Amino acid sequence: MDLDYLLAVPSWNSVGILVTFFTYLAIAGSLIPAKLVPGVTLQDGSRLHYRCNGLLSMLLLALLLGVGAKMGLLSLTVISERGLELLSATFIFSFLVALALYAAGCKSRNQSSSLKPHVTGNLIHDWWFGVQLNPSFLGIDLKFFFVRSGMMGWLFINLSVLAKTIQSATLSHSMILYQMFCLIYILDYFFYEEYMTSTWDIIAERLGFMLVFGDLVWIPFTFSIQGWWLLGNKVELTTAAVIANCFVFLIGYLVFRGANKQKHDFKKNPKALIWGKPPKVVGGKLLASGYWGIARHCNYLGDLLLALSFSLPCGISSPVPYFYPIYLLILLIWRERRDEARCAEKYKEVWAEYRRLVPWRILPYFY
């Protein structure tokens, strides 16, 4: 193993892969037919519109890569063979993009809600959390573009790892299970891509290094740790373990998707039926029906169960594959505390009433 690999020095090949990927997504996102989804109404009354065509873009890219590999124009295992190079190249790119966003934001005189600069004077704080809410480049909303890139990057890292195991004749039931769960999750994400437009990251977080790094580096390269681990470790699962793993995934998916769908539908139509009944609403603002009548952050429970299901195919011989669910548990508890404080300040007595009606935070009867 040479020194460049150990130090994860980006090569021109890894830079080329990254540039090609981003260029494709920019062109495909702009040209492929899309559902135009209006975002939330901002403080100045304006609304962004998002081109939701991520699923078609992803399927077309998969088709192009498959054809290219069949014709001998590219290798499907290149990502799995240059993982560290791509990781370092993406990290450097994220760092530079965050600097560019900071510089452009500080110079901006635009007073719209999307582009009004929020400068505290603390360079590190502003670079990390961002200066502008919705910066764009060549007409492309960068926040939406980066999260799409990260989720799609996760899939293609996984597929490259899968191709590597097939090439080396080491494909296992564990790898199949992990790949299947991730594929379902990512396909579901892009099928319901419009739901992303109503999430906190899109509507409230400014775009700085925290989000850029999270989208482009953290999501694809840490969410795929289980696949990388299985590439070098063989795990034999019992039938009972496979069934239990599928059960965890199914419950997690039903809670995660069901809760997010109820929230999205409620925001679009506050009178939409929840589980066949009129919704119970606290103070005319907060949904207290369906999953949201069980726990105040029930979607986090679904997310945690899904993260656990991605790691269970790796067995219990090492803590490494469980980095993602452990990290996610810490993150979501921290985020839930932030959400609680923010909602208490925003909704005041309405939030207090909601807490009395729905006492559990994430896991009913436990937390």
Protein backbone atom coordinates (compact mmCIF):
# COMPACT_ATOMS: atom_id res chain seq x y z
CA MET A 1 0.00 0.00 0.00
CA ASP A 2 1.66 3.25 -1.11
CA LEU A 3 1.98 6.44 0.90
CA ASP A 4 -0.50 8.39 -1.23
CA TYR A 5 -3.19 5.83 -0.44
CA LEU A 6 -2.43 5.94 3.27
CA LEU A 7 -2.62 9.72 3.26
CA ALA A 8 -5.74 9.65 1.06
CA VAL A 9 -4.25 12.20 -1.36
CA PRO A 10 -6.77 13.09 -4.08
CA SER A 11 -5.71 12.03 -7.54
CA TRP A 12 -6.73 13.64 -10.80
CA ASN A 13 -8.88 10.57 -11.41
CA SER A 14 -10.83 11.13 -8.19
CA VAL A 15 -11.23 14.82 -9.01
CA GLY A 16 -12.45 13.85 -12.47
CA ILE A 17 -15.03 11.45 -11.03
CA LEU A 18 -16.29 14.15 -8.68
CA VAL A 19 -16.49 16.84 -11.38
CA THR A 20 -18.24 14.47 -13.78
CA PHE A 21 -20.77 13.48 -11.11
CA PHE A 22 -21.64 17.06 -10.19
CA THR A 23 -21.77 18.14 -13.84
CA TYR A 24 -24.14 15.31 -14.68
CA LEU A 25 -26.43 16.15 -11.75
CA ALA A 26 -26.51 19.83 -12.70
CA ILE A 27 -27.40 19.09 -16.32
CA ALA A 28 -29.84 16.28 -15.55
CA GLY A 29 -31.53 18.27 -12.81
CA SER A 30 -32.08 21.17 -15.22
CA LEU A 31 -33.14 19.23 -18.33
CA ILE A 32 -34.95 16.06 -17.25
CA PRO A 33 -38.73 16.52 -16.83
CA ALA A 34 -39.51 17.35 -13.23
CA LYS A 35 -42.34 17.94 -10.81
CA LEU A 36 -42.14 21.60 -9.81
CA VAL A 37 -42.77 21.75 -6.07
CA PRO A 38 -43.31 25.07 -4.25
CA GLY A 39 -41.30 25.47 -1.06
CA VAL A 40 -42.59 27.02 2.14
CA THR A 41 -43.52 30.68 2.19
CA LEU A 42 -40.55 32.68 3.46
CA GLN A 43 -40.68 35.74 5.73
CA ASP A 44 -40.84 38.17 2.83
CA GLY A 45 -43.70 36.22 1.23
CA SER A 46 -41.56 34.67 -1.49
CA ARG A 47 -41.41 30.96 -2.29
CA LEU A 48 -38.75 28.92 -4.02
CA HIS A 49 -39.74 26.20 -6.45
CA TYR A 50 -37.85 22.93 -6.56
CA ARG A 51 -37.40 20.64 -9.56
CA CYS A 52 -38.01 17.18 -8.13
CA ASN A 53 -36.58 14.79 -10.69
CA GLY A 54 -33.99 13.04 -8.56
CA LEU A 55 -35.41 9.57 -9.17
CA LEU A 56 -35.25 9.90 -12.95
CA SER A 57 -31.78 11.46 -12.74
CA MET A 58 -30.55 8.59 -10.59
CA LEU A 59 -32.05 5.84 -12.77
CA LEU A 60 -30.64 7.43 -15.93
CA LEU A 61 -27.19 7.67 -14.37
CA ALA A 62 -27.35 4.02 -13.30
CA LEU A 63 -28.32 3.09 -16.86
CA LEU A 64 -25.48 5.15 -18.37
CA LEU A 65 -22.95 3.59 -16.00
CA GLY A 66 -24.21 0.12 -16.77
CA VAL A 67 -23.94 0.70 -20.53
CA GLY A 68 -20.51 2.29 -20.10
CA ALA A 69 -19.28 -0.70 -18.12
CA LYS A 70 -20.72 -3.13 -20.68
CA MET A 71 -18.86 -1.29 -23.45
CA GLY A 72 -15.64 -1.32 -21.44
CA LEU A 73 -15.55 2.47 -21.09
CA LEU A 74 -15.45 2.48 -17.29
CA SER A 75 -15.11 0.22 -14.28
CA LEU A 76 -17.99 -0.22 -11.84
CA THR A 77 -15.50 -0.92 -9.04
CA VAL A 78 -13.60 2.36 -9.40
CA ILE A 79 -15.31 4.00 -6.41
CA SER A 80 -14.63 1.06 -4.12
CA GLU A 81 -11.00 1.07 -5.26
CA ARG A 82 -10.54 4.84 -4.84
CA GLY A 83 -12.74 5.41 -1.81
CA LEU A 84 -10.21 7.31 0.31
CA GLU A 85 -9.13 9.46 -2.62
CA LEU A 86 -12.75 10.40 -3.30
CA LEU A 87 -13.35 11.07 0.38
CA SER A 88 -10.44 13.51 0.63
CA ALA A 89 -11.32 15.17 -2.70
CA THR A 90 -14.92 15.66 -1.58
CA PHE A 91 -13.80 17.02 1.79
CA ILE A 92 -11.52 19.58 0.14
CA PHE A 93 -14.28 20.53 -2.28
CA SER A 94 -16.73 21.01 0.63
CA PHE A 95 -14.22 23.19 2.48
CA LEU A 96 -13.65 25.41 -0.57
CA VAL A 97 -17.36 25.66 -1.38
CA ALA A 98 -18.09 26.77 2.18
CA LEU A 99 -15.42 29.48 1.88
CA ALA A 100 -16.90 30.64 -1.43
CA LEU A 101 -20.40 30.73 0.08
CA TYR A 102 -19.11 32.75 3.01
CA ALA A 103 -17.33 35.27 0.77
CA ALA A 104 -20.27 35.63 -1.60
CA GLY A 105 -22.73 35.94 1.25
CA CYS A 106 -20.75 38.67 3.00
CA LYS A 107 -20.60 40.70 -0.24
CA SER A 108 -24.29 40.27 -1.00
CA ARG A 109 -26.58 43.30 -0.74
CA ASN A 110 -29.69 41.26 -1.53
CA GLN A 111 -32.36 41.74 1.15
CA SER A 112 -34.69 38.87 0.15
CA SER A 113 -35.31 36.14 2.71
CA SER A 114 -33.34 33.63 0.62
CA LEU A 115 -30.20 35.71 0.09
CA LYS A 116 -30.12 38.29 2.88
CA PRO A 117 -26.73 37.89 4.59
CA HIS A 118 -26.73 37.02 8.30
CA VAL A 119 -23.23 37.98 9.42
CA THR A 120 -22.31 37.78 13.10
CA GLY A 121 -18.73 38.94 12.64
CA ASN A 122 -17.39 35.60 13.88
CA LEU A 123 -15.72 34.12 10.80
CA ILE A 124 -15.69 30.53 12.08
CA HIS A 125 -19.36 30.69 13.14
CA ASP A 126 -20.51 32.22 9.87
CA TRP A 127 -18.42 29.84 7.75
CA TRP A 128 -19.72 26.83 9.69
CA PHE A 129 -23.42 27.73 9.90
CA GLY A 130 -23.61 29.77 6.72
CA VAL A 131 -24.54 33.33 5.85
CA GLN A 132 -27.41 32.93 3.36
CA LEU A 133 -30.50 30.73 3.52
CA ASN A 134 -30.84 29.65 -0.11
CA PRO A 135 -27.81 30.57 -2.24
CA SER A 136 -27.84 29.43 -5.85
CA PHE A 137 -25.37 29.00 -8.70
CA LEU A 138 -26.37 29.21 -12.37
CA GLY A 139 -30.00 29.02 -11.30
CA ILE A 140 -29.48 25.84 -9.23
CA ASP A 141 -30.51 25.91 -5.56
CA LEU A 142 -27.32 24.68 -3.92
CA LYS A 143 -28.84 23.36 -0.71
CA PHE A 144 -31.27 21.08 -2.55
CA PHE A 145 -28.54 20.13 -5.05
CA PHE A 146 -26.05 19.09 -2.36
CA VAL A 147 -28.44 16.88 -0.40
CA ARG A 148 -29.48 15.19 -3.66
CA SER A 149 -25.79 14.64 -4.49
CA GLY A 150 -25.10 13.09 -1.10
CA MET A 151 -28.01 10.66 -1.19
CA MET A 152 -27.20 9.63 -4.76
CA GLY A 153 -23.51 9.35 -3.91
CA TRP A 154 -24.37 6.94 -1.08
CA LEU A 155 -26.17 4.67 -3.55
CA PHE A 156 -23.35 4.61 -6.10
CA ILE A 157 -20.73 3.95 -3.43
CA ASN A 158 -22.82 0.98 -2.31
CA LEU A 159 -23.25 -0.29 -5.86
CA SER A 160 -19.50 -0.05 -6.48
CA VAL A 161 -18.83 -2.02 -3.29
CA LEU A 162 -21.39 -4.59 -4.46
CA ALA A 163 -19.67 -4.82 -7.85
CA LYS A 164 -16.36 -5.39 -6.07
CA THR A 165 -17.74 -8.28 -4.02
CA ILE A 166 -19.22 -9.88 -7.14
CA GLN A 167 -15.92 -9.44 -8.97
CA SER A 168 -14.01 -11.09 -6.11
CA ALA A 169 -16.65 -13.83 -5.66
CA THR A 170 -17.21 -12.88 -2.01
CA LEU A 171 -20.87 -11.86 -2.21
CA SER A 172 -22.66 -12.88 1.02
CA HIS A 173 -26.21 -12.88 2.34
CA SER A 174 -25.16 -10.08 4.70
CA MET A 175 -24.05 -7.89 1.82
CA ILE A 176 -27.27 -8.63 -0.10
CA LEU A 177 -29.38 -7.73 2.93
CA TYR A 178 -27.49 -4.49 3.56
CA GLN A 179 -27.63 -3.48 -0.11
CA MET A 180 -31.34 -4.28 -0.34
CA PHE A 181 -32.26 -2.18 2.71
CA CYS A 182 -30.21 0.80 1.54
CA LEU A 183 -31.57 0.57 -2.00
CA ILE A 184 -35.18 0.58 -0.76
CA TYR A 185 -34.46 3.52 1.52
CA ILE A 186 -32.74 5.60 -1.18
CA LEU A 187 -35.34 4.81 -3.84
CA ASP A 188 -38.03 5.80 -1.34
CA TYR A 189 -36.20 9.05 -0.61
CA PHE A 190 -36.18 10.05 -4.25
CA PHE A 191 -39.73 8.83 -4.87
CA TYR A 192 -40.84 11.20 -2.10
CA GLU A 193 -38.17 13.82 -2.84
CA GLU A 194 -40.70 16.64 -2.61
CA TYR A 195 -41.07 15.92 1.13
CA MET A 196 -37.51 17.18 1.55
CA THR A 197 -38.72 20.69 0.69
CA SER A 198 -40.55 20.94 4.04
CA THR A 199 -37.69 19.70 6.26
CA TRP A 200 -35.90 21.94 8.73
CA ASP A 201 -32.59 21.84 6.84
CA ILE A 202 -34.22 23.21 3.70
CA ILE A 203 -36.55 25.79 5.23
CA ALA A 204 -34.48 27.16 8.12
CA GLU A 205 -30.78 26.23 8.13
CA ARG A 206 -28.40 28.55 6.30
CA LEU A 207 -25.96 26.92 3.91
CA GLY A 208 -22.48 26.74 5.38
CA PHE A 209 -19.79 24.13 5.92
CA MET A 210 -22.00 22.20 8.36
CA LEU A 211 -24.62 21.39 5.71
CA VAL A 212 -22.22 21.17 2.74
CA PHE A 213 -19.95 18.72 4.58
CA GLY A 214 -22.95 16.83 5.97
CA ASP A 215 -24.51 16.40 2.54
CA LEU A 216 -21.45 15.71 0.40
CA VAL A 217 -19.11 13.91 2.81
CA TRP A 218 -20.94 12.65 5.87
CA ILE A 219 -23.98 11.10 4.17
CA PRO A 220 -22.30 9.11 1.38
CA PHE A 221 -19.08 8.13 3.13
CA THR A 222 -20.28 7.34 6.67
CA PHE A 223 -23.68 5.90 5.80
CA SER A 224 -21.84 3.34 3.64
CA ILE A 225 -19.41 2.19 6.36
CA GLN A 226 -21.31 -1.10 6.73
CA GLY A 227 -20.75 -1.91 3.06
CA TRP A 228 -17.05 -1.11 3.26
CA TRP A 229 -16.78 -3.28 6.39
CA LEU A 230 -18.58 -6.22 4.77
CA LEU A 231 -16.21 -5.92 1.81
CA GLY A 232 -13.38 -7.12 4.06
CA ASN A 233 -15.27 -9.24 6.58
CA LYS A 234 -17.41 -12.31 6.05
CA VAL A 235 -20.52 -12.65 8.23
CA GLU A 236 -22.81 -15.67 8.30
CA LEU A 237 -26.35 -14.91 9.45
CA THR A 238 -28.87 -17.43 10.74
CA THR A 239 -32.37 -17.53 9.29
CA ALA A 240 -33.73 -16.13 12.54
CA ALA A 241 -31.27 -13.21 12.36
CA VAL A 242 -32.29 -12.43 8.78
CA ILE A 243 -36.00 -12.45 9.71
CA ALA A 244 -35.40 -10.26 12.77
CA ASN A 245 -33.33 -7.83 10.68
CA CYS A 246 -36.11 -7.58 8.07
CA PHE A 247 -38.64 -6.95 10.84
CA VAL A 248 -36.56 -4.08 12.28
CA PHE A 249 -36.26 -2.54 8.82
CA LEU A 250 -39.98 -2.90 8.09
CA ILE A 251 -41.09 -1.31 11.38
CA GLY A 252 -38.54 1.47 10.98
CA TYR A 253 -39.65 2.16 7.44
CA LEU A 254 -43.36 2.24 8.32
CA VAL A 255 -42.79 4.66 11.19
CA PHE A 256 -40.31 6.86 9.31
CA ARG A 257 -42.24 7.15 6.07
CA GLY A 258 -45.66 7.24 7.75
CA ALA A 259 -44.69 10.04 10.15
CA ASN A 260 -43.06 12.18 7.48
CA LYS A 261 -45.97 11.69 5.10
CA GLN A 262 -48.48 12.72 7.78
CA LYS A 263 -46.45 15.86 8.55
CA HIS A 264 -46.09 16.77 4.89
CA ASP A 265 -49.79 16.17 4.15
CA PHE A 266 -50.81 18.20 7.20
CA LYS A 267 -48.69 21.16 6.09
CA LYS A 268 -50.30 21.06 2.66
CA ASN A 269 -53.84 20.49 3.96
CA PRO A 270 -54.48 20.84 7.73
CA LYS A 271 -57.82 19.07 7.29
CA ALA A 272 -56.42 15.95 5.60
CA LEU A 273 -57.51 12.72 7.30
CA ILE A 274 -54.98 10.98 9.53
CA TRP A 275 -55.53 7.23 9.81
CA GLY A 276 -59.04 7.77 8.44
CA LYS A 277 -60.02 10.38 11.03
CA PRO A 278 -59.98 14.19 11.16
CA PRO A 279 -56.67 15.36 12.62
CA LYS A 280 -56.41 16.49 16.22
CA VAL A 281 -54.68 19.88 16.17
CA VAL A 282 -53.35 21.79 19.19
CA GLY A 283 -53.75 25.54 19.00
CA GLY A 284 -54.57 25.33 15.32
CA LYS A 285 -50.88 24.67 14.58
CA LEU A 286 -49.53 21.39 15.94
CA LEU A 287 -50.58 17.96 14.71
CA ALA A 288 -51.39 15.56 17.56
CA SER A 289 -52.85 12.67 15.55
CA GLY A 290 -51.42 9.54 14.00
CA TYR A 291 -47.74 9.01 14.72
CA TRP A 292 -47.53 12.59 16.02
CA GLY A 293 -50.00 11.72 18.76
CA ILE A 294 -47.71 8.92 19.94
CA ALA A 295 -44.42 10.83 20.26
CA ARG A 296 -43.41 14.42 19.53
CA HIS A 297 -40.47 13.30 17.36
CA CYS A 298 -41.71 9.90 16.22
CA ASN A 299 -39.99 10.25 12.84
CA TYR A 300 -36.67 10.06 14.69
CA LEU A 301 -37.63 6.62 16.03
CA GLY A 302 -38.18 5.37 12.49
CA ASP A 303 -34.85 6.83 11.42
CA LEU A 304 -33.04 5.08 14.28
CA LEU A 305 -34.63 1.70 13.54
CA LEU A 306 -33.66 2.02 9.88
CA ALA A 307 -30.08 2.93 10.79
CA LEU A 308 -29.95 -0.11 13.07
CA SER A 309 -31.28 -2.36 10.31
CA PHE A 310 -28.45 -1.22 8.01
CA SER A 311 -25.89 -2.37 10.59
CA LEU A 312 -27.42 -5.64 11.82
CA PRO A 313 -26.34 -7.59 8.68
CA CYS A 314 -22.76 -7.06 9.90
CA GLY A 315 -23.34 -9.13 13.04
CA ILE A 316 -21.98 -8.13 16.44
CA SER A 317 -18.29 -8.99 16.17
CA SER A 318 -17.23 -5.35 15.74
CA PRO A 319 -18.56 -1.93 16.77
CA VAL A 320 -17.34 -0.35 13.51
CA PRO A 321 -20.51 -1.06 11.47
CA TYR A 322 -22.59 0.46 14.26
CA PHE A 323 -20.95 3.86 13.97
CA TYR A 324 -23.89 5.23 11.96
CA PRO A 325 -26.75 4.25 14.34
CA ILE A 326 -24.71 5.30 17.39
CA TYR A 327 -23.86 8.64 15.82
CA LEU A 328 -27.47 9.10 14.70
CA LEU A 329 -28.78 8.39 18.20
CA ILE A 330 -26.54 11.10 19.65
CA LEU A 331 -27.38 13.52 16.84
CA LEU A 332 -31.14 13.05 17.05
CA ILE A 333 -31.27 13.40 20.82
CA TRP A 334 -29.26 16.63 20.48
CA ARG A 335 -31.49 17.80 17.63
CA GLU A 336 -34.63 16.86 19.54
CA ARG A 337 -33.48 19.03 22.45
CA ARG A 338 -32.85 21.91 20.03
CA ASP A 339 -36.29 21.37 18.49
CA GLU A 340 -37.96 21.36 21.90
CA ALA A 341 -36.32 24.63 22.94
CA ARG A 342 -37.11 26.27 19.59
CA CYS A 343 -40.76 25.15 19.64
CA ALA A 344 -41.22 26.21 23.27
CA GLU A 345 -40.03 29.69 22.33
CA LYS A 346 -42.08 29.85 19.15
CA TYR A 347 -45.39 28.34 20.26
CA LYS A 348 -45.26 29.12 24.03
CA GLU A 349 -48.45 27.92 25.77
CA VAL A 350 -49.53 25.96 22.67
CA TRP A 351 -46.34 23.91 22.93
CA ALA A 352 -46.91 23.34 26.64
CA GLU A 353 -50.39 22.00 25.85
CA TYR A 354 -48.97 19.76 23.13
CA ARG A 355 -46.41 18.36 25.59
CA ARG A 356 -49.19 17.54 28.05
CA LEU A 357 -51.16 15.80 25.32
CA VAL A 358 -48.13 13.95 23.86
CA PRO A 359 -45.70 13.37 26.77
CA TRP A 360 -43.19 11.12 24.97
CA ARG A 361 -40.31 12.60 23.00
CA ILE A 362 -39.13 9.76 20.71
CA LEU A 363 -39.84 6.29 22.15
CA PRO A 364 -43.23 5.89 23.91
CA TYR A 365 -43.06 4.80 27.55
CA PHE A 366 -39.26 5.07 27.53
CA TYR A 367 -38.11 8.51 26.38
